[in-house]
Amino acid sequence: MLNQDYKKDFPILQQTMQGKPLVYLDNGATTQKPDSVIAAVRDYYTHANANPHRGAYELSVQATDIYENARVRTQKFINAQHSHEIIFTKNATESLNLIAYSYGLSTLQPGDEVVISIAEHHSNLVPWQRVCQQKGATLKYIYLEKDGNLSQQDINEKITAKTKIVAVTQVSNILGLINPVKEIVKKAHAAGAVVVVDGSQSVPHIKVDVQELDADFFVFSGHKMLSPMGIGVLYGKEALLNAMPPFLMGGDMIDYVEEQHTEYAPLPAKFEAGTQNVGGAAGLVAAIDYLENFGMEKVADIEAELVQYALEKLADMPYIELYGCNSRLDNKTGIIAFNVRDVHPHDVATILDAQGVAVRAGHHCAQPLLAYLGQNATCRASFYFYNTKEDVDRWLAALSKVRGVLGYGA
């Protein structure tokens, strides 16, 4: 599989950076877009651009059809039970804030507990901090085993009868490890808690079935799975969404308004105030089509091959420190977090960039996790199916020069 050229579908991957062919290894931040997605967005703005749901004229009907078709395609992609359980947002961050401020604020009481993992992205941590502070609830953390996986003891002991919400990422954006979400959901439901799953780093890389997981809420961003920026997804079980107050007011979420009273529209419009990103929805459909035609199992297999190939070579580089790479590879997606001994991650990324290699450096919006690991920052190489062994070789060749550039020698 790694001998095939999947980059041909991605115009941006054909260009050079710093005079060298681009090696793009920041897919955990955002993925590149294939021709079919770019064409879908262009086609919408060329032939069907209008405000959806609001016009009786043909162009508006076309825009509405494109937007609602995207909802149905997304429902089927993650196997939600109903299309109206799919709420479009700007991104996963907005989806998580919607849940925290609509469901969290309206249900939590003083003395209640919210349980999250130490591996959460700030988007699935800071909103819960704030909601707990406002409601007098307690925020508790599930910590990690030495191999980076969630502590089974913490899962068993910290989810209790006091727990009302469990919010957990399915895949860590730093460690790339797949968390036992299905097990956590069962434990939480047995305690009477609702579960929020951040699927930002899972949906692009592995097949997700929200009904099989039995997640109460599940969120992800389109731009991490080939679609344009500005389109995100919130899945919620119908009964929960119906009971929640709206998050934003105005536009499409209105049924009718009187001087002193407003009746809100039913799902899904209830949570989609204002003019929506129809072009982004068109791109999301094209991205889903591309991934389903390619095959999600194939995506996972390619990433596994790349990670194994890279880790075998990294074993011969004693000055490289790895994080989350001591676990079994069948529990890991295509993310390798690392540092170069004695070199700041930002310097590493800058030196790699001079060789046309793009990696992430910093705290990756997960500062509590890095503090728990005893680090201020790391570098992160994150693969996608269009990456190759040649990309890995280019990255590692550039990496081998980093210490020498700064005068350390090997």
Protein backbone atom coordinates (compact mmCIF):
# COMPACT_ATOMS: atom_id res chain seq x y z
CA MET A 1 0.00 0.00 0.00
CA LEU A 2 2.85 2.39 0.76
CA ASN A 3 4.18 2.06 -2.78
CA GLN A 4 1.12 3.76 -4.27
CA ASP A 5 1.05 7.50 -4.99
CA TYR A 6 -1.94 8.97 -3.19
CA LYS A 7 -0.44 12.45 -3.23
CA LYS A 8 -1.49 12.93 -6.84
CA ASP A 9 -5.00 13.85 -5.66
CA PHE A 10 -3.68 16.67 -3.44
CA PRO A 11 -2.49 19.80 -5.27
CA ILE A 12 -0.74 21.34 -2.25
CA LEU A 13 1.47 18.27 -1.84
CA GLN A 14 2.93 18.83 -5.31
CA GLN A 15 4.72 22.02 -4.34
CA THR A 16 8.10 22.71 -2.82
CA MET A 17 9.00 24.37 0.45
CA GLN A 18 12.44 25.86 1.06
CA GLY A 19 13.31 24.64 -2.43
CA LYS A 20 12.58 21.01 -1.52
CA PRO A 21 9.54 18.77 -2.07
CA LEU A 22 7.08 19.29 0.76
CA VAL A 23 6.91 16.59 3.43
CA TYR A 24 3.73 17.41 5.34
CA LEU A 25 3.62 15.74 8.76
CA ASP A 26 1.16 17.98 10.60
CA ASN A 27 -2.00 16.08 9.77
CA GLY A 28 -3.08 16.06 13.42
CA ALA A 29 -3.55 19.82 13.11
CA THR A 30 -5.26 19.80 9.71
CA THR A 31 -5.23 17.57 6.65
CA GLN A 32 -4.72 18.64 3.06
CA LYS A 33 -7.61 18.71 0.60
CA PRO A 34 -8.00 16.50 -2.50
CA ASP A 35 -9.09 17.84 -5.87
CA SER A 36 -12.58 16.40 -5.39
CA VAL A 37 -13.17 18.41 -2.18
CA ILE A 38 -11.83 21.62 -3.71
CA ALA A 39 -14.03 21.04 -6.76
CA ALA A 40 -17.13 20.44 -4.60
CA VAL A 41 -16.65 23.74 -2.79
CA ARG A 42 -15.96 25.60 -6.03
CA ASP A 43 -19.00 24.01 -7.66
CA TYR A 44 -21.26 25.10 -4.81
CA TYR A 45 -20.11 28.72 -4.96
CA THR A 46 -20.23 28.69 -8.76
CA HIS A 47 -23.63 27.10 -9.26
CA ALA A 48 -25.68 26.90 -6.05
CA ASN A 49 -24.69 29.69 -3.66
CA ALA A 50 -27.76 30.95 -1.79
CA ASN A 51 -29.08 31.17 1.75
CA PRO A 52 -30.50 27.73 2.67
CA HIS A 53 -33.95 27.18 4.21
CA ARG A 54 -35.03 30.78 3.61
CA GLY A 55 -35.96 31.12 -0.03
CA ALA A 56 -38.74 29.72 -2.18
CA TYR A 57 -36.66 30.24 -5.30
CA GLU A 58 -34.77 27.41 -6.99
CA LEU A 59 -31.25 28.48 -6.05
CA SER A 60 -32.13 28.51 -2.34
CA VAL A 61 -33.77 25.10 -2.68
CA GLN A 62 -30.57 23.76 -4.23
CA ALA A 63 -28.48 25.16 -1.39
CA THR A 64 -30.88 23.63 1.13
CA ASP A 65 -30.68 20.24 -0.58
CA ILE A 66 -26.86 20.33 -0.54
CA TYR A 67 -26.79 21.27 3.14
CA GLU A 68 -29.33 18.67 4.26
CA ASN A 69 -27.74 15.98 2.10
CA ALA A 70 -24.52 16.65 4.01
CA ARG A 71 -26.37 15.99 7.25
CA VAL A 72 -27.62 12.62 5.99
CA ARG A 73 -24.19 11.66 4.64
CA THR A 74 -22.61 12.52 8.00
CA GLN A 75 -25.28 10.54 9.86
CA LYS A 76 -24.49 7.46 7.79
CA PHE A 77 -20.72 7.98 8.04
CA ILE A 78 -20.76 7.70 11.85
CA ASN A 79 -23.93 5.55 11.96
CA ALA A 80 -26.11 7.91 13.96
CA GLN A 81 -29.70 6.75 14.32
CA HIS A 82 -31.32 9.94 12.95
CA SER A 83 -30.10 12.72 10.68
CA HIS A 84 -31.56 15.35 13.04
CA GLU A 85 -29.09 14.15 15.67
CA ILE A 86 -26.36 15.72 13.51
CA ILE A 87 -25.73 19.38 14.35
CA PHE A 88 -23.34 21.38 12.16
CA THR A 89 -20.99 23.76 13.95
CA LYS A 90 -17.82 25.66 13.10
CA ASN A 91 -15.52 22.95 14.49
CA ALA A 92 -15.14 20.43 17.32
CA THR A 93 -14.26 23.24 19.72
CA GLU A 94 -17.60 24.94 19.15
CA SER A 95 -19.36 21.58 19.46
CA LEU A 96 -17.77 20.92 22.85
CA ASN A 97 -18.57 24.42 24.08
CA LEU A 98 -22.18 23.95 22.97
CA ILE A 99 -22.44 20.78 25.04
CA ALA A 100 -20.73 22.31 28.07
CA TYR A 101 -22.78 25.51 28.13
CA SER A 102 -26.10 24.05 27.07
CA TYR A 103 -26.15 20.61 28.66
CA GLY A 104 -23.56 21.17 31.40
CA LEU A 105 -24.85 24.48 32.73
CA SER A 106 -28.46 23.34 32.66
CA THR A 107 -27.93 20.00 34.45
CA LEU A 108 -24.99 20.20 36.87
CA GLN A 109 -25.62 20.99 40.52
CA PRO A 110 -23.29 21.80 43.44
CA GLY A 111 -21.50 18.66 44.56
CA ASP A 112 -21.80 16.92 41.18
CA GLU A 113 -18.64 15.64 39.51
CA VAL A 114 -17.35 15.86 35.95
CA VAL A 115 -14.66 13.35 35.00
CA ILE A 116 -12.24 13.97 32.15
CA SER A 117 -8.83 12.54 31.22
CA ILE A 118 -5.52 14.33 31.67
CA ALA A 119 -4.97 13.76 27.92
CA GLU A 120 -7.73 16.12 26.81
CA HIS A 121 -7.27 18.91 24.29
CA HIS A 122 -7.99 22.28 25.89
CA SER A 123 -11.30 22.36 23.99
CA ASN A 124 -12.53 19.41 26.05
CA LEU A 125 -11.01 20.69 29.29
CA VAL A 126 -11.35 24.46 29.69
CA PRO A 127 -15.16 24.54 29.10
CA TRP A 128 -15.61 21.92 31.83
CA GLN A 129 -13.36 23.88 34.19
CA ARG A 130 -15.51 26.95 33.70
CA VAL A 131 -18.85 25.16 33.95
CA CYS A 132 -17.77 23.36 37.12
CA GLN A 133 -16.64 26.65 38.65
CA GLN A 134 -19.96 28.31 37.82
CA LYS A 135 -22.08 25.42 39.10
CA GLY A 136 -20.05 24.40 42.17
CA ALA A 137 -19.25 21.00 40.66
CA THR A 138 -15.94 19.16 40.98
CA LEU A 139 -13.66 18.40 38.02
CA LYS A 140 -11.76 15.10 38.38
CA TYR A 141 -9.07 13.60 36.17
CA ILE A 142 -8.29 10.13 34.90
CA TYR A 143 -4.48 9.90 34.77
CA LEU A 144 -2.19 7.65 32.73
CA GLU A 145 -0.30 4.41 33.09
CA LYS A 146 3.44 4.44 32.36
CA ASP A 147 2.77 3.39 28.76
CA GLY A 148 0.51 6.43 28.18
CA ASN A 149 -2.80 4.59 28.28
CA LEU A 150 -5.56 5.70 30.64
CA SER A 151 -5.30 4.26 34.13
CA GLN A 152 -7.77 1.42 34.52
CA GLN A 153 -7.74 1.98 38.26
CA ASP A 154 -8.73 5.62 37.79
CA ILE A 155 -11.52 4.66 35.39
CA ASN A 156 -12.89 2.23 37.96
CA GLU A 157 -12.50 4.50 40.98
CA LYS A 158 -13.23 8.01 39.72
CA ILE A 159 -16.48 7.34 37.88
CA THR A 160 -18.96 7.10 40.75
CA ALA A 161 -22.56 7.85 41.65
CA LYS A 162 -21.54 11.51 41.96
CA THR A 163 -20.37 11.60 38.34
CA LYS A 164 -22.83 13.34 36.03
CA ILE A 165 -20.65 13.88 32.95
CA VAL A 166 -17.62 12.03 31.58
CA ALA A 167 -15.78 13.83 28.78
CA VAL A 168 -12.97 11.94 27.06
CA THR A 169 -11.06 11.98 23.82
CA GLN A 170 -11.16 8.81 21.74
CA VAL A 171 -7.58 9.41 20.56
CA SER A 172 -5.01 11.67 22.25
CA ASN A 173 -3.76 14.42 19.95
CA ILE A 174 -0.26 14.10 21.43
CA LEU A 175 0.15 10.41 22.18
CA GLY A 176 -2.02 9.02 19.37
CA LEU A 177 -3.28 6.27 21.68
CA ILE A 178 -6.83 4.97 21.30
CA ASN A 179 -8.75 5.15 24.57
CA PRO A 180 -11.22 2.43 25.68
CA VAL A 181 -14.25 4.63 25.05
CA LYS A 182 -16.77 1.81 24.84
CA GLU A 183 -15.70 0.52 28.25
CA ILE A 184 -15.79 4.03 29.73
CA VAL A 185 -19.30 4.59 28.33
CA LYS A 186 -20.55 1.37 29.96
CA LYS A 187 -19.00 2.33 33.28
CA ALA A 188 -20.41 5.87 33.11
CA HIS A 189 -23.90 4.77 32.11
CA ALA A 190 -23.97 2.27 34.94
CA ALA A 191 -23.27 5.20 37.28
CA GLY A 192 -25.98 7.31 35.65
CA ALA A 193 -23.58 9.68 33.87
CA VAL A 194 -23.65 11.09 30.34
CA VAL A 195 -20.58 10.67 28.11
CA VAL A 196 -19.08 13.26 25.75
CA VAL A 197 -16.53 11.89 23.27
CA ASP A 198 -14.05 14.06 21.37
CA GLY A 199 -13.53 12.26 18.07
CA SER A 200 -11.36 14.91 16.42
CA GLN A 201 -8.36 12.57 16.18
CA SER A 202 -10.31 9.36 15.63
CA VAL A 203 -12.91 9.95 12.92
CA PRO A 204 -10.29 10.81 10.26
CA HIS A 205 -8.26 7.67 11.00
CA ILE A 206 -10.47 4.80 12.17
CA LYS A 207 -14.03 3.68 11.51
CA VAL A 208 -16.38 5.14 14.13
CA ASP A 209 -19.89 3.88 14.94
CA VAL A 210 -21.55 6.12 17.54
CA GLN A 211 -24.36 3.65 18.18
CA GLU A 212 -21.89 0.87 18.87
CA LEU A 213 -19.96 3.14 21.23
CA ASP A 214 -23.28 4.23 22.77
CA ALA A 215 -21.81 7.73 23.20
CA ASP A 216 -24.31 10.34 24.31
CA PHE A 217 -22.43 13.11 22.50
CA PHE A 218 -19.69 12.82 19.89
CA VAL A 219 -17.85 15.66 18.13
CA PHE A 220 -15.31 16.10 15.35
CA SER A 221 -13.97 18.66 12.86
CA GLY A 222 -14.16 18.38 9.08
CA HIS A 223 -10.78 19.97 8.40
CA LYS A 224 -8.95 17.08 10.06
CA MET A 225 -10.56 14.65 7.58
CA LEU A 226 -9.94 16.33 4.19
CA SER A 227 -12.84 18.80 4.22
CA PRO A 228 -12.59 22.62 4.39
CA MET A 229 -12.04 24.52 7.60
CA GLY A 230 -15.13 26.00 9.23
CA ILE A 231 -17.38 22.93 9.35
CA GLY A 232 -17.70 20.78 12.48
CA VAL A 233 -20.09 18.11 13.72
CA LEU A 234 -21.91 17.54 16.97
CA TYR A 235 -23.78 14.26 17.32
CA GLY A 236 -26.13 13.96 20.27
CA LYS A 237 -28.81 11.50 21.23
CA GLU A 238 -32.20 12.89 20.31
CA ALA A 239 -33.68 12.91 23.82
CA LEU A 240 -30.71 14.82 25.24
CA LEU A 241 -30.68 17.39 22.43
CA ASN A 242 -34.43 17.97 22.75
CA ALA A 243 -34.06 18.66 26.48
CA MET A 244 -31.18 21.12 26.06
CA PRO A 245 -31.66 24.90 25.74
CA PRO A 246 -30.32 26.58 22.59
CA PHE A 247 -26.72 27.78 22.65
CA LEU A 248 -26.89 30.64 20.09
CA MET A 249 -29.96 32.66 19.21
CA GLY A 250 -31.27 34.04 15.94
CA GLY A 251 -31.81 33.08 12.34
CA ASP A 252 -32.68 29.51 11.50
CA MET A 253 -33.12 28.36 15.11
CA ILE A 254 -36.32 30.41 15.41
CA ASP A 255 -39.80 29.01 14.90
CA TYR A 256 -41.64 32.25 15.66
CA VAL A 257 -41.06 35.35 17.78
CA GLU A 258 -43.47 37.53 19.73
CA GLU A 259 -42.57 40.67 21.66
CA GLN A 260 -42.08 38.81 24.94
CA HIS A 261 -41.78 35.19 23.83
CA THR A 262 -39.85 33.07 21.32
CA GLU A 263 -40.62 29.56 20.17
CA TYR A 264 -37.52 27.68 19.06
CA ALA A 265 -37.34 25.48 16.00
CA PRO A 266 -37.09 21.70 16.45
CA LEU A 267 -33.90 19.71 15.90
CA PRO A 268 -31.53 20.15 14.22
CA ALA A 269 -32.26 23.84 13.47
CA LYS A 270 -32.55 24.56 17.20
CA PHE A 271 -28.75 24.59 17.47
CA GLU A 272 -27.89 26.11 14.09
CA ALA A 273 -28.41 29.84 14.46
CA GLY A 274 -27.69 32.13 11.54
CA THR A 275 -26.54 31.41 8.01
CA GLN A 276 -24.64 28.14 7.89
CA ASN A 277 -21.48 27.10 6.04
CA VAL A 278 -23.11 25.36 3.08
CA GLY A 279 -19.89 25.41 1.07
CA GLY A 280 -18.13 23.66 3.93
CA ALA A 281 -20.94 21.10 4.10
CA ALA A 282 -20.53 20.42 0.38
CA GLY A 283 -16.83 19.90 0.96
CA LEU A 284 -17.55 17.60 3.90
CA VAL A 285 -19.69 15.36 1.68
CA ALA A 286 -16.87 15.16 -0.87
CA ALA A 287 -14.41 14.33 1.93
CA ILE A 288 -16.66 11.57 3.27
CA ASP A 289 -17.06 10.19 -0.26
CA TYR A 290 -13.28 10.20 -0.74
CA LEU A 291 -12.60 8.44 2.57
CA GLU A 292 -15.32 5.84 2.11
CA ASN A 293 -14.15 5.08 -1.43
CA PHE A 294 -10.58 4.83 -0.15
CA GLY A 295 -11.58 2.73 2.87
CA MET A 296 -11.15 3.61 6.53
CA GLU A 297 -9.46 0.28 7.25
CA LYS A 298 -6.94 1.09 4.55
CA VAL A 299 -6.30 4.49 6.16
CA ALA A 300 -5.58 2.81 9.50
CA ASP A 301 -3.37 0.14 7.89
CA ILE A 302 -1.21 2.68 6.07
CA GLU A 303 -0.73 4.75 9.21
CA ALA A 304 0.21 1.63 11.18
CA GLU A 305 2.83 0.73 8.57
CA LEU A 306 4.29 4.22 8.65
CA VAL A 307 4.45 4.34 12.45
CA GLN A 308 6.10 0.92 12.67
CA TYR A 309 8.62 1.84 9.96
CA ALA A 310 9.44 5.14 11.68
CA LEU A 311 9.76 3.64 15.18
CA GLU A 312 12.12 0.93 13.93
CA LYS A 313 14.44 3.62 12.54
CA LEU A 314 14.03 5.93 15.53
CA ALA A 315 15.31 3.09 17.74
CA ASP A 316 18.76 3.75 16.24
CA MET A 317 18.66 7.43 17.24
CA PRO A 318 19.41 7.48 21.00
CA TYR A 319 19.08 11.28 21.25
CA ILE A 320 15.38 11.09 20.36
CA GLU A 321 12.92 10.94 23.26
CA LEU A 322 9.51 9.44 22.42
CA TYR A 323 6.14 9.79 24.17
CA GLY A 324 3.24 7.35 23.92
CA CYS A 325 5.23 4.87 21.83
CA ASN A 326 5.66 2.11 24.43
CA SER A 327 2.18 0.70 23.90
CA ARG A 328 1.13 -1.88 21.34
CA LEU A 329 0.84 -0.47 17.81
CA ASP A 330 -2.69 -1.80 17.27
CA ASN A 331 -3.81 0.73 19.89
CA LYS A 332 -2.14 3.69 18.18
CA THR A 333 -2.93 5.99 15.27
CA GLY A 334 -0.37 7.79 13.11
CA ILE A 335 1.03 10.22 15.70
CA ILE A 336 4.59 10.24 17.04
CA ALA A 337 5.40 12.78 19.76
CA PHE A 338 9.11 13.33 20.29
CA ASN A 339 11.87 15.62 21.47
CA VAL A 340 15.52 15.93 20.47
CA ARG A 341 17.77 15.88 23.52
CA ASP A 342 19.09 19.36 24.45
CA VAL A 343 17.14 21.09 21.65
CA HIS A 344 13.95 23.12 22.10
CA PRO A 345 11.05 21.76 20.03
CA HIS A 346 10.62 25.09 18.23
CA ASP A 347 14.25 24.94 17.09
CA VAL A 348 13.72 21.37 15.92
CA ALA A 349 10.68 22.38 13.86
CA THR A 350 12.52 25.35 12.34
CA ILE A 351 15.51 23.23 11.34
CA LEU A 352 13.21 20.57 9.83
CA ASP A 353 11.31 23.27 7.95
CA ALA A 354 14.58 24.31 6.27
CA GLN A 355 14.59 20.79 4.79
CA GLY A 356 10.98 21.07 3.59
CA VAL A 357 9.62 18.95 6.46
CA ALA A 358 6.57 20.31 8.33
CA VAL A 359 6.01 19.06 11.90
CA ARG A 360 4.21 20.58 14.86
CA ALA A 361 6.04 21.99 17.88
CA GLY A 362 4.59 23.35 21.11
CA HIS A 363 2.10 22.27 23.76
CA HIS A 364 -0.48 21.12 21.18
CA CYS A 365 -3.33 22.68 23.20
CA ALA A 366 -2.85 20.03 25.86
CA GLN A 367 -0.73 21.69 28.55
CA PRO A 368 -1.99 19.57 31.49
CA LEU A 369 -0.94 16.41 29.66
CA LEU A 370 2.53 17.78 28.91
CA ALA A 371 2.91 18.93 32.52
CA TYR A 372 1.95 15.41 33.62
CA LEU A 373 4.64 14.05 31.27
CA GLY A 374 7.17 16.52 32.68
CA GLN A 375 7.53 18.48 29.44
CA ASN A 376 6.89 22.08 28.45
CA ALA A 377 6.56 21.21 24.76
CA THR A 378 7.15 18.44 22.25
CA CYS A 379 7.43 18.00 18.52
CA ARG A 380 4.75 15.96 16.80
CA ALA A 381 4.86 14.14 13.49
CA SER A 382 1.37 13.07 12.46
CA PHE A 383 0.80 10.92 9.39
CA TYR A 384 -2.08 10.45 7.00
CA PHE A 385 -2.66 7.92 4.24
CA TYR A 386 -0.99 10.11 1.60
CA ASN A 387 2.32 10.03 3.46
CA THR A 388 5.02 7.58 2.33
CA LYS A 389 8.13 5.81 3.58
CA GLU A 390 10.09 8.39 1.59
CA ASP A 391 8.43 11.09 3.72
CA VAL A 392 9.53 9.23 6.84
CA ASP A 393 13.06 8.90 5.49
CA ARG A 394 13.21 12.62 4.66
CA TRP A 395 11.95 13.50 8.15
CA LEU A 396 14.44 11.22 9.90
CA ALA A 397 17.34 12.38 7.71
CA ALA A 398 16.56 15.99 8.64
CA LEU A 399 16.11 14.97 12.27
CA SER A 400 19.56 13.37 12.33
CA LYS A 401 21.12 16.76 11.53
CA VAL A 402 19.35 18.82 14.19
CA ARG A 403 21.88 18.47 16.99
CA GLY A 404 24.76 19.05 14.61
CA VAL A 405 23.22 22.30 13.35
CA LEU A 406 23.24 23.58 16.93
CA GLY A 407 26.79 22.38 17.58
CA TYR A 408 26.07 19.33 19.72
CA GLY A 409 27.29 16.71 17.28
CA ALA A 410 25.29 13.48 17.14
